[in-house]
């Protein structure tokens, strides 16, 4: 038996499956025929064709009645769920031809602090589209991952990938109010006297910031963290000072959990981009998401 023949055998038509499911659910050929608007003989014939195709008896025939076999009961449960999913998918497609699924890679902090609160608006505007989110901290290969697009922070140096600019960012030296009081920062150079915290994906951030202030590089006291969430938490409890994106710590600055150690922001050399492989450029959910995202970030470009 070839693979193609085997696939046909174990993939019956929806007409056969619908006849079987209706008979299994209603408990009779007559009720199933009435529901499907078919004759009783047509339903009986379709069920027999399904049994012949699968080479499994699904019903026990007893005079004028039928009852499911043990195998038929198990098969009916799974087929019912499969038919429900097909029906739901077809309805959603009819209601919104541009619907579908977008598999999106996100940066963890941007995803939780900035994107997630805005997603309900996108989903309300685009019924039928589902977004699956996956966290990625570094570059990855679209050829080996089942992803349609990603929100990327960096430079325009991802070969073979299409992208659009979303926004820039400013970072500011932030710390706890207690740490600022302890060190009494007055000038940029004073920050070198306190512990400096950095994110491992931005190892040169402090060096760039001190250079922008015309000050020799940071001391050897820098501590590295692998994620924004951990470095921001360490900053809030007074471990040290961190260069944090202002648009991601607005709540902490407003509540006083974080303060500007010194009010000297720096624009990062990197930018946020939406990136995708060229073969997904016409994927309707990606087009809808890209257009919406560009509108959301228009003021930040």
C-alpha atoms as a PDB file:
ATOM      1  CA  UNK A   1       0.000   0.000   0.000  1.00  0.00           C
ATOM      2  CA  UNK A   2       1.426   3.350  -1.014  1.00  0.00           C
ATOM      3  CA  UNK A   3       1.441   6.345   1.345  1.00  0.00           C
ATOM      4  CA  UNK A   4      -1.085   8.133  -0.900  1.00  0.00           C
ATOM      5  CA  UNK A   5      -3.479   5.148  -0.810  1.00  0.00           C
ATOM      6  CA  UNK A   6      -3.095   4.862   2.959  1.00  0.00           C
ATOM      7  CA  UNK A   7      -3.846   8.590   3.398  1.00  0.00           C
ATOM      8  CA  UNK A   8      -7.075   8.291   1.391  1.00  0.00           C
ATOM      9  CA  UNK A   9      -8.164   5.289   3.425  1.00  0.00           C
ATOM     10  CA  UNK A  10      -7.763   7.039   6.767  1.00  0.00           C
ATOM     11  CA  UNK A  11      -9.170  10.375   5.626  1.00  0.00           C
ATOM     12  CA  UNK A  12     -12.856   9.729   4.876  1.00  0.00           C
ATOM     13  CA  UNK A  13     -15.017  12.398   3.288  1.00  0.00           C
ATOM     14  CA  UNK A  14     -16.895  14.782   5.556  1.00  0.00           C
ATOM     15  CA  UNK A  15     -20.181  13.469   4.118  1.00  0.00           C
ATOM     16  CA  UNK A  16     -19.463   9.977   5.457  1.00  0.00           C
ATOM     17  CA  UNK A  17     -18.278  11.330   8.787  1.00  0.00           C
ATOM     18  CA  UNK A  18     -21.300  13.619   9.148  1.00  0.00           C
ATOM     19  CA  UNK A  19     -23.687  10.715   8.510  1.00  0.00           C
ATOM     20  CA  UNK A  20     -21.924   8.566  11.086  1.00  0.00           C
ATOM     21  CA  UNK A  21     -21.767  11.344  13.697  1.00  0.00           C
ATOM     22  CA  UNK A  22     -25.457  12.203  13.285  1.00  0.00           C
ATOM     23  CA  UNK A  23     -26.490   8.544  13.649  1.00  0.00           C
ATOM     24  CA  UNK A  24     -24.213   8.078  16.645  1.00  0.00           C
ATOM     25  CA  UNK A  25     -25.576  11.198  18.373  1.00  0.00           C
ATOM     26  CA  UNK A  26     -29.277  10.661  17.631  1.00  0.00           C
ATOM     27  CA  UNK A  27     -29.168   6.896  18.106  1.00  0.00           C
ATOM     28  CA  UNK A  28     -30.937   6.074  14.883  1.00  0.00           C
ATOM     29  CA  UNK A  29     -30.830   6.196  11.092  1.00  0.00           C
ATOM     30  CA  UNK A  30     -34.255   7.860  10.825  1.00  0.00           C
ATOM     31  CA  UNK A  31     -33.375  10.826  13.054  1.00  0.00           C
ATOM     32  CA  UNK A  32     -29.999  11.217  11.382  1.00  0.00           C
ATOM     33  CA  UNK A  33     -31.600  11.236   7.931  1.00  0.00           C
ATOM     34  CA  UNK A  34     -34.129  13.865   9.032  1.00  0.00           C
ATOM     35  CA  UNK A  35     -31.335  16.072  10.450  1.00  0.00           C
ATOM     36  CA  UNK A  36     -29.196  15.771   7.335  1.00  0.00           C
ATOM     37  CA  UNK A  37     -32.138  16.070   4.945  1.00  0.00           C
ATOM     38  CA  UNK A  38     -31.293  12.723   3.361  1.00  0.00           C
ATOM     39  CA  UNK A  39     -33.124   9.481   2.890  1.00  0.00           C
ATOM     40  CA  UNK A  40     -32.662   6.657   5.394  1.00  0.00           C
ATOM     41  CA  UNK A  41     -31.096   4.492   2.714  1.00  0.00           C
ATOM     42  CA  UNK A  42     -28.588   7.227   1.846  1.00  0.00           C
ATOM     43  CA  UNK A  43     -27.476   7.533   5.490  1.00  0.00           C
ATOM     44  CA  UNK A  44     -27.240   3.744   5.871  1.00  0.00           C
ATOM     45  CA  UNK A  45     -25.193   3.551   2.664  1.00  0.00           C
ATOM     46  CA  UNK A  46     -22.772   6.278   3.817  1.00  0.00           C
ATOM     47  CA  UNK A  47     -22.206   4.603   7.187  1.00  0.00           C
ATOM     48  CA  UNK A  48     -21.568   1.255   5.443  1.00  0.00           C
ATOM     49  CA  UNK A  49     -19.099   2.942   3.068  1.00  0.00           C
ATOM     50  CA  UNK A  50     -17.283   4.424   6.075  1.00  0.00           C
ATOM     51  CA  UNK A  51     -17.077   1.047   7.806  1.00  0.00           C
ATOM     52  CA  UNK A  52     -15.782  -0.548   4.608  1.00  0.00           C
ATOM     53  CA  UNK A  53     -13.186   2.190   4.174  1.00  0.00           C
ATOM     54  CA  UNK A  54     -11.937   1.867   7.773  1.00  0.00           C
ATOM     55  CA  UNK A  55     -12.457  -1.898   7.884  1.00  0.00           C
ATOM     56  CA  UNK A  56     -14.018  -1.482  11.329  1.00  0.00           C
ATOM     57  CA  UNK A  57     -17.594  -2.154  12.448  1.00  0.00           C
ATOM     58  CA  UNK A  58     -18.982   1.040  13.995  1.00  0.00           C
ATOM     59  CA  UNK A  59     -22.572  -0.054  14.692  1.00  0.00           C
ATOM     60  CA  UNK A  60     -24.246  -3.270  15.763  1.00  0.00           C
ATOM     61  CA  UNK A  61     -27.451  -3.747  13.741  1.00  0.00           C
ATOM     62  CA  UNK A  62     -30.342  -5.256  15.713  1.00  0.00           C
ATOM     63  CA  UNK A  63     -33.582  -5.607  13.725  1.00  0.00           C
ATOM     64  CA  UNK A  64     -34.856  -2.028  13.347  1.00  0.00           C
ATOM     65  CA  UNK A  65     -32.282  -0.379  15.626  1.00  0.00           C
ATOM     66  CA  UNK A  66     -28.561   0.290  15.786  1.00  0.00           C
ATOM     67  CA  UNK A  67     -26.118   0.804  18.642  1.00  0.00           C
ATOM     68  CA  UNK A  68     -22.499   1.847  18.646  1.00  0.00           C
ATOM     69  CA  UNK A  69     -19.749  -0.665  19.089  1.00  0.00           C
ATOM     70  CA  UNK A  70     -17.025   0.121  21.623  1.00  0.00           C
ATOM     71  CA  UNK A  71     -14.789   1.247  18.766  1.00  0.00           C
ATOM     72  CA  UNK A  72     -17.651   3.293  17.327  1.00  0.00           C
ATOM     73  CA  UNK A  73     -18.200   5.131  20.618  1.00  0.00           C
ATOM     74  CA  UNK A  74     -14.559   6.185  20.819  1.00  0.00           C
ATOM     75  CA  UNK A  75     -14.482   7.180  17.153  1.00  0.00           C
ATOM     76  CA  UNK A  76     -17.686   9.202  17.466  1.00  0.00           C
ATOM     77  CA  UNK A  77     -16.254  11.344  20.264  1.00  0.00           C
ATOM     78  CA  UNK A  78     -13.196  12.271  18.246  1.00  0.00           C
ATOM     79  CA  UNK A  79     -15.061  12.778  14.974  1.00  0.00           C
ATOM     80  CA  UNK A  80     -17.624  15.014  16.692  1.00  0.00           C
ATOM     81  CA  UNK A  81     -14.854  17.315  17.950  1.00  0.00           C
ATOM     82  CA  UNK A  82     -13.116  17.318  14.544  1.00  0.00           C
ATOM     83  CA  UNK A  83     -16.345  18.223  12.735  1.00  0.00           C
ATOM     84  CA  UNK A  84     -17.023  20.974  15.290  1.00  0.00           C
ATOM     85  CA  UNK A  85     -13.599  22.491  14.628  1.00  0.00           C
ATOM     86  CA  UNK A  86     -14.096  22.343  10.857  1.00  0.00           C
ATOM     87  CA  UNK A  87     -17.519  23.955  11.203  1.00  0.00           C
ATOM     88  CA  UNK A  88     -16.190  26.701  13.477  1.00  0.00           C
ATOM     89  CA  UNK A  89     -13.230  27.399  11.183  1.00  0.00           C
ATOM     90  CA  UNK A  90     -15.517  27.576   8.148  1.00  0.00           C
ATOM     91  CA  UNK A  91     -17.934  29.918   9.913  1.00  0.00           C
ATOM     92  CA  UNK A  92     -15.099  32.203  11.041  1.00  0.00           C
ATOM     93  CA  UNK A  93     -13.652  32.255   7.537  1.00  0.00           C
ATOM     94  CA  UNK A  94     -17.045  33.143   6.081  1.00  0.00           C
ATOM     95  CA  UNK A  95     -17.568  35.883   8.696  1.00  0.00           C
ATOM     96  CA  UNK A  96     -14.074  37.278   8.202  1.00  0.00           C
ATOM     97  CA  UNK A  97     -12.238  36.158   5.037  1.00  0.00           C
ATOM     98  CA  UNK A  98      -9.139  37.952   6.320  1.00  0.00           C
ATOM     99  CA  UNK A  99      -9.126  35.920   9.535  1.00  0.00           C
ATOM    100  CA  UNK A 100      -6.574  33.303  10.473  1.00  0.00           C
ATOM    101  CA  UNK A 101      -3.720  32.760  12.862  1.00  0.00           C
ATOM    102  CA  UNK A 102      -0.608  34.864  13.394  1.00  0.00           C
ATOM    103  CA  UNK A 103       2.310  33.175  15.139  1.00  0.00           C
ATOM    104  CA  UNK A 104       4.325  36.051  16.573  1.00  0.00           C
ATOM    105  CA  UNK A 105       7.639  36.104  18.442  1.00  0.00           C
ATOM    106  CA  UNK A 106       7.878  38.895  21.011  1.00  0.00           C
ATOM    107  CA  UNK A 107      10.355  40.385  23.421  1.00  0.00           C
ATOM    108  CA  UNK A 108       9.095  39.431  26.895  1.00  0.00           C
ATOM    109  CA  UNK A 109       8.887  42.896  28.461  1.00  0.00           C
ATOM    110  CA  UNK A 110       7.582  44.695  25.379  1.00  0.00           C
ATOM    111  CA  UNK A 111       5.041  41.905  25.045  1.00  0.00           C
ATOM    112  CA  UNK A 112       3.739  42.011  28.612  1.00  0.00           C
ATOM    113  CA  UNK A 113       4.016  45.736  29.326  1.00  0.00           C
ATOM    114  CA  UNK A 114       3.241  47.327  25.968  1.00  0.00           C
ATOM    115  CA  UNK A 115       1.657  44.862  23.524  1.00  0.00           C
ATOM    116  CA  UNK A 116      -0.605  42.751  25.747  1.00  0.00           C
ATOM    117  CA  UNK A 117      -2.688  45.683  27.075  1.00  0.00           C
ATOM    118  CA  UNK A 118      -3.322  46.806  23.471  1.00  0.00           C
ATOM    119  CA  UNK A 119      -4.137  43.401  21.962  1.00  0.00           C
ATOM    120  CA  UNK A 120      -7.838  43.413  22.929  1.00  0.00           C
ATOM    121  CA  UNK A 121      -8.317  46.457  20.691  1.00  0.00           C
ATOM    122  CA  UNK A 122      -6.680  44.710  17.741  1.00  0.00           C
ATOM    123  CA  UNK A 123      -8.689  41.528  18.264  1.00  0.00           C
ATOM    124  CA  UNK A 124     -11.928  43.507  18.555  1.00  0.00           C
ATOM    125  CA  UNK A 125     -11.141  45.254  15.266  1.00  0.00           C
ATOM    126  CA  UNK A 126     -10.179  41.970  13.580  1.00  0.00           C
ATOM    127  CA  UNK A 127     -12.620  39.239  14.648  1.00  0.00           C
ATOM    128  CA  UNK A 128     -11.526  35.830  13.454  1.00  0.00           C
ATOM    129  CA  UNK A 129      -7.794  36.484  13.828  1.00  0.00           C
ATOM    130  CA  UNK A 130      -5.960  34.557  16.525  1.00  0.00           C
ATOM    131  CA  UNK A 131      -2.494  35.546  17.748  1.00  0.00           C
ATOM    132  CA  UNK A 132      -0.142  32.986  19.260  1.00  0.00           C
ATOM    133  CA  UNK A 133       2.759  34.579  21.158  1.00  0.00           C
ATOM    134  CA  UNK A 134       6.198  33.065  21.696  1.00  0.00           C
ATOM    135  CA  UNK A 135       9.004  34.736  23.649  1.00  0.00           C
ATOM    136  CA  UNK A 136      12.387  35.168  21.980  1.00  0.00           C
ATOM    137  CA  UNK A 137      15.315  37.181  23.359  1.00  0.00           C
ATOM    138  CA  UNK A 138      17.793  36.836  20.507  1.00  0.00           C
ATOM    139  CA  UNK A 139      17.926  36.274  16.766  1.00  0.00           C
ATOM    140  CA  UNK A 140      16.414  33.038  15.445  1.00  0.00           C
ATOM    141  CA  UNK A 141      15.884  31.363  12.085  1.00  0.00           C
ATOM    142  CA  UNK A 142      12.427  31.723  10.533  1.00  0.00           C
ATOM    143  CA  UNK A 143      13.248  28.686   8.393  1.00  0.00           C
ATOM    144  CA  UNK A 144      13.348  26.404  11.421  1.00  0.00           C
ATOM    145  CA  UNK A 145      10.601  27.983  13.553  1.00  0.00           C
ATOM    146  CA  UNK A 146       6.869  27.998  12.826  1.00  0.00           C
ATOM    147  CA  UNK A 147       6.608  31.772  13.196  1.00  0.00           C
ATOM    148  CA  UNK A 148       5.042  34.295  10.844  1.00  0.00           C
ATOM    149  CA  UNK A 149       6.691  37.426  12.266  1.00  0.00           C
ATOM    150  CA  UNK A 150       8.563  38.860  15.237  1.00  0.00           C
ATOM    151  CA  UNK A 151       8.979  42.121  17.096  1.00  0.00           C
ATOM    152  CA  UNK A 152      12.727  42.687  17.048  1.00  0.00           C
ATOM    153  CA  UNK A 153      14.943  45.176  18.868  1.00  0.00           C
ATOM    154  CA  UNK A 154      18.205  45.949  17.107  1.00  0.00           C
ATOM    155  CA  UNK A 155      19.481  47.388  13.858  1.00  0.00           C
ATOM    156  CA  UNK A 156      18.490  46.752  10.267  1.00  0.00           C
ATOM    157  CA  UNK A 157      20.959  43.888  10.060  1.00  0.00           C
ATOM    158  CA  UNK A 158      18.768  40.782   9.678  1.00  0.00           C
ATOM    159  CA  UNK A 159      19.601  39.512   6.159  1.00  0.00           C
ATOM    160  CA  UNK A 160      16.877  38.006   4.021  1.00  0.00           C
ATOM    161  CA  UNK A 161      14.100  39.394   6.223  1.00  0.00           C
ATOM    162  CA  UNK A 162      11.542  42.096   5.504  1.00  0.00           C
ATOM    163  CA  UNK A 163      10.876  44.668   8.210  1.00  0.00           C
ATOM    164  CA  UNK A 164       9.197  47.933   9.131  1.00  0.00           C
ATOM    165  CA  UNK A 165      10.302  50.395  11.787  1.00  0.00           C
ATOM    166  CA  UNK A 166       7.968  50.530  14.786  1.00  0.00           C
ATOM    167  CA  UNK A 167       9.569  52.948  17.215  1.00  0.00           C
ATOM    168  CA  UNK A 168      12.725  54.287  18.799  1.00  0.00           C
ATOM    169  CA  UNK A 169      13.336  54.453  22.539  1.00  0.00           C
ATOM    170  CA  UNK A 170      14.982  56.610  25.162  1.00  0.00           C
ATOM    171  CA  UNK A 171      16.738  55.067  28.138  1.00  0.00           C
ATOM    172  CA  UNK A 172      17.300  56.869  31.409  1.00  0.00           C
ATOM    173  CA  UNK A 173      19.444  56.022  34.452  1.00  0.00           C
ATOM    174  CA  UNK A 174      16.826  54.821  36.948  1.00  0.00           C
ATOM    175  CA  UNK A 175      17.130  53.728  40.557  1.00  0.00           C
ATOM    176  CA  UNK A 176      15.146  53.462  43.764  1.00  0.00           C
ATOM    177  CA  UNK A 177      14.443  56.672  45.730  1.00  0.00           C
ATOM    178  CA  UNK A 178      16.500  55.264  48.627  1.00  0.00           C
ATOM    179  CA  UNK A 179      19.557  54.662  46.434  1.00  0.00           C
ATOM    180  CA  UNK A 180      19.375  58.172  45.007  1.00  0.00           C
ATOM    181  CA  UNK A 181      19.191  59.614  48.520  1.00  0.00           C
ATOM    182  CA  UNK A 182      22.086  57.421  49.643  1.00  0.00           C
ATOM    183  CA  UNK A 183      24.453  58.548  46.852  1.00  0.00           C
ATOM    184  CA  UNK A 184      23.119  62.068  46.284  1.00  0.00           C
ATOM    185  CA  UNK A 185      23.749  62.072  42.522  1.00  0.00           C
ATOM    186  CA  UNK A 186      24.358  65.547  41.129  1.00  0.00           C
ATOM    187  CA  UNK A 187      26.330  64.956  37.926  1.00  0.00           C
ATOM    188  CA  UNK A 188      26.689  62.147  35.382  1.00  0.00           C
ATOM    189  CA  UNK A 189      30.087  61.130  36.740  1.00  0.00           C
ATOM    190  CA  UNK A 190      28.587  60.471  40.180  1.00  0.00           C
ATOM    191  CA  UNK A 191      26.832  57.390  38.834  1.00  0.00           C
ATOM    192  CA  UNK A 192      30.173  55.585  38.586  1.00  0.00           C
ATOM    193  CA  UNK A 193      30.278  55.472  42.370  1.00  0.00           C
ATOM    194  CA  UNK A 194      27.172  53.245  42.563  1.00  0.00           C
ATOM    195  CA  UNK A 195      26.583  49.675  41.338  1.00  0.00           C
ATOM    196  CA  UNK A 196      25.552  49.659  37.688  1.00  0.00           C
ATOM    197  CA  UNK A 197      23.033  47.115  36.400  1.00  0.00           C
ATOM    198  CA  UNK A 198      22.784  46.049  32.784  1.00  0.00           C
ATOM    199  CA  UNK A 199      20.819  43.671  30.571  1.00  0.00           C
ATOM    200  CA  UNK A 200      23.021  41.007  28.976  1.00  0.00           C
ATOM    201  CA  UNK A 201      21.505  41.644  25.535  1.00  0.00           C
ATOM    202  CA  UNK A 202      22.695  45.276  25.825  1.00  0.00           C
ATOM    203  CA  UNK A 203      26.209  44.840  27.241  1.00  0.00           C
ATOM    204  CA  UNK A 204      27.511  48.190  25.960  1.00  0.00           C
ATOM    205  CA  UNK A 205      24.638  50.402  27.105  1.00  0.00           C
ATOM    206  CA  UNK A 206      26.469  52.029  30.010  1.00  0.00           C
ATOM    207  CA  UNK A 207      29.590  52.604  27.950  1.00  0.00           C
ATOM    208  CA  UNK A 208      27.462  54.349  25.321  1.00  0.00           C
ATOM    209  CA  UNK A 209      25.692  56.452  27.932  1.00  0.00           C
ATOM    210  CA  UNK A 210      28.912  57.632  29.611  1.00  0.00           C
ATOM    211  CA  UNK A 211      30.407  58.338  26.191  1.00  0.00           C
ATOM    212  CA  UNK A 212      27.387  60.514  25.358  1.00  0.00           C
ATOM    213  CA  UNK A 213      28.150  62.497  28.528  1.00  0.00           C
ATOM    214  CA  UNK A 214      31.849  62.822  27.511  1.00  0.00           C
ATOM    215  CA  UNK A 215      32.910  60.663  30.457  1.00  0.00           C
ATOM    216  CA  UNK A 216      35.332  57.753  30.371  1.00  0.00           C
ATOM    217  CA  UNK A 217      33.692  54.325  30.478  1.00  0.00           C
ATOM    218  CA  UNK A 218      31.940  52.715  33.423  1.00  0.00           C
ATOM    219  CA  UNK A 219      33.828  51.083  36.266  1.00  0.00           C
ATOM    220  CA  UNK A 220      34.025  47.324  36.716  1.00  0.00           C
ATOM    221  CA  UNK A 221      31.017  47.169  39.077  1.00  0.00           C
ATOM    222  CA  UNK A 222      28.434  46.350  36.385  1.00  0.00           C
ATOM    223  CA  UNK A 223      26.077  43.461  37.173  1.00  0.00           C
ATOM    224  CA  UNK A 224      24.350  41.688  34.274  1.00  0.00           C
ATOM    225  CA  UNK A 225      20.822  40.292  34.109  1.00  0.00           C
ATOM    226  CA  UNK A 226      19.307  38.229  31.316  1.00  0.00           C
ATOM    227  CA  UNK A 227      15.869  39.888  31.276  1.00  0.00           C
ATOM    228  CA  UNK A 228      14.324  43.291  31.748  1.00  0.00           C
ATOM    229  CA  UNK A 229      11.936  41.987  34.425  1.00  0.00           C
ATOM    230  CA  UNK A 230      14.764  40.915  36.723  1.00  0.00           C
ATOM    231  CA  UNK A 231      16.918  44.000  36.222  1.00  0.00           C
ATOM    232  CA  UNK A 232      13.970  46.332  36.795  1.00  0.00           C
ATOM    233  CA  UNK A 233      13.003  44.474  39.970  1.00  0.00           C
ATOM    234  CA  UNK A 234      16.604  44.627  41.210  1.00  0.00           C
ATOM    235  CA  UNK A 235      16.615  48.348  40.464  1.00  0.00           C
ATOM    236  CA  UNK A 236      13.414  48.941  42.414  1.00  0.00           C
ATOM    237  CA  UNK A 237      14.755  47.200  45.532  1.00  0.00           C
ATOM    238  CA  UNK A 238      17.946  49.272  45.496  1.00  0.00           C
ATOM    239  CA  UNK A 239      20.561  46.896  44.106  1.00  0.00           C
ATOM    240  CA  UNK A 240      21.889  49.541  41.719  1.00  0.00           C
ATOM    241  CA  UNK A 241      21.189  51.859  38.784  1.00  0.00           C
ATOM    242  CA  UNK A 242      19.966  50.600  35.407  1.00  0.00           C
ATOM    243  CA  UNK A 243      19.478  52.192  32.011  1.00  0.00           C
ATOM    244  CA  UNK A 244      15.802  51.497  31.377  1.00  0.00           C
ATOM    245  CA  UNK A 245      13.514  52.450  28.470  1.00  0.00           C
ATOM    246  CA  UNK A 246      11.287  55.283  29.679  1.00  0.00           C
ATOM    247  CA  UNK A 247       8.190  54.047  27.833  1.00  0.00           C
ATOM    248  CA  UNK A 248       8.394  50.709  29.670  1.00  0.00           C
ATOM    249  CA  UNK A 249       8.748  52.135  33.185  1.00  0.00           C
ATOM    250  CA  UNK A 250       6.144  54.895  33.065  1.00  0.00           C
ATOM    251  CA  UNK A 251       4.054  53.286  35.806  1.00  0.00           C
ATOM    252  CA  UNK A 252       7.049  52.840  38.118  1.00  0.00           C
ATOM    253  CA  UNK A 253       8.171  56.423  37.579  1.00  0.00           C
ATOM    254  CA  UNK A 254       4.655  57.721  38.167  1.00  0.00           C
ATOM    255  CA  UNK A 255       4.257  55.715  41.384  1.00  0.00           C
ATOM    256  CA  UNK A 256       7.706  56.657  42.707  1.00  0.00           C
ATOM    257  CA  UNK A 257       8.969  53.067  42.812  1.00  0.00           C
ATOM    258  CA  UNK A 258      11.679  54.253  40.438  1.00  0.00           C
ATOM    259  CA  UNK A 259      13.206  57.698  39.999  1.00  0.00           C
ATOM    260  CA  UNK A 260      15.636  59.168  37.520  1.00  0.00           C
ATOM    261  CA  UNK A 261      19.053  58.930  39.131  1.00  0.00           C
ATOM    262  CA  UNK A 262      19.902  61.907  36.976  1.00  0.00           C
ATOM    263  CA  UNK A 263      17.772  63.391  34.229  1.00  0.00           C
ATOM    264  CA  UNK A 264      20.019  62.659  31.265  1.00  0.00           C
ATOM    265  CA  UNK A 265      18.150  60.362  28.852  1.00  0.00           C
ATOM    266  CA  UNK A 266      19.852  58.815  25.836  1.00  0.00           C
ATOM    267  CA  UNK A 267      18.267  57.646  22.610  1.00  0.00           C
ATOM    268  CA  UNK A 268      19.238  54.048  21.910  1.00  0.00           C
ATOM    269  CA  UNK A 269      21.043  53.336  18.664  1.00  0.00           C
ATOM    270  CA  UNK A 270      18.798  50.312  18.159  1.00  0.00           C
ATOM    271  CA  UNK A 271      15.134  50.414  17.161  1.00  0.00           C
ATOM    272  CA  UNK A 272      12.066  48.208  17.435  1.00  0.00           C
ATOM    273  CA  UNK A 273      11.030  46.528  14.178  1.00  0.00           C
ATOM    274  CA  UNK A 274       8.343  44.162  13.006  1.00  0.00           C
ATOM    275  CA  UNK A 275      10.152  41.549  10.928  1.00  0.00           C
ATOM    276  CA  UNK A 276       8.924  38.628   8.824  1.00  0.00           C
ATOM    277  CA  UNK A 277      10.177  36.204   6.155  1.00  0.00           C
ATOM    278  CA  UNK A 278       9.334  37.311   2.588  1.00  0.00           C
ATOM    279  CA  UNK A 279       7.132  34.276   1.951  1.00  0.00           C
ATOM    280  CA  UNK A 280       4.721  35.415   4.714  1.00  0.00           C
ATOM    281  CA  UNK A 281       4.389  38.974   3.404  1.00  0.00           C
ATOM    282  CA  UNK A 282       0.903  38.329   1.961  1.00  0.00           C
ATOM    283  CA  UNK A 283      -0.433  36.445   4.993  1.00  0.00           C
ATOM    284  CA  UNK A 284      -3.704  38.317   5.784  1.00  0.00           C
ATOM    285  CA  UNK A 285      -3.353  38.240   9.611  1.00  0.00           C
ATOM    286  CA  UNK A 286       0.180  39.619   9.311  1.00  0.00           C
ATOM    287  CA  UNK A 287      -0.973  42.424   7.004  1.00  0.00           C
ATOM    288  CA  UNK A 288      -3.761  43.371   9.427  1.00  0.00           C
ATOM    289  CA  UNK A 289      -1.440  43.234  12.436  1.00  0.00           C
ATOM    290  CA  UNK A 290       1.305  45.229  10.698  1.00  0.00           C
ATOM    291  CA  UNK A 291      -1.098  47.998   9.669  1.00  0.00           C
ATOM    292  CA  UNK A 292      -2.552  48.185  13.181  1.00  0.00           C
ATOM    293  CA  UNK A 293       0.883  48.142  14.836  1.00  0.00           C
ATOM    294  CA  UNK A 294       2.163  50.940  12.604  1.00  0.00           C
ATOM    295  CA  UNK A 295      -0.839  53.041  13.555  1.00  0.00           C
ATOM    296  CA  UNK A 296      -0.253  52.329  17.262  1.00  0.00           C
ATOM    297  CA  UNK A 297       3.412  53.358  17.086  1.00  0.00           C
ATOM    298  CA  UNK A 298       3.088  56.265  14.652  1.00  0.00           C
ATOM    299  CA  UNK A 299       3.672  58.887  17.346  1.00  0.00           C
ATOM    300  CA  UNK A 300       6.836  57.122  18.570  1.00  0.00           C
ATOM    301  CA  UNK A 301       8.723  57.020  15.289  1.00  0.00           C
END
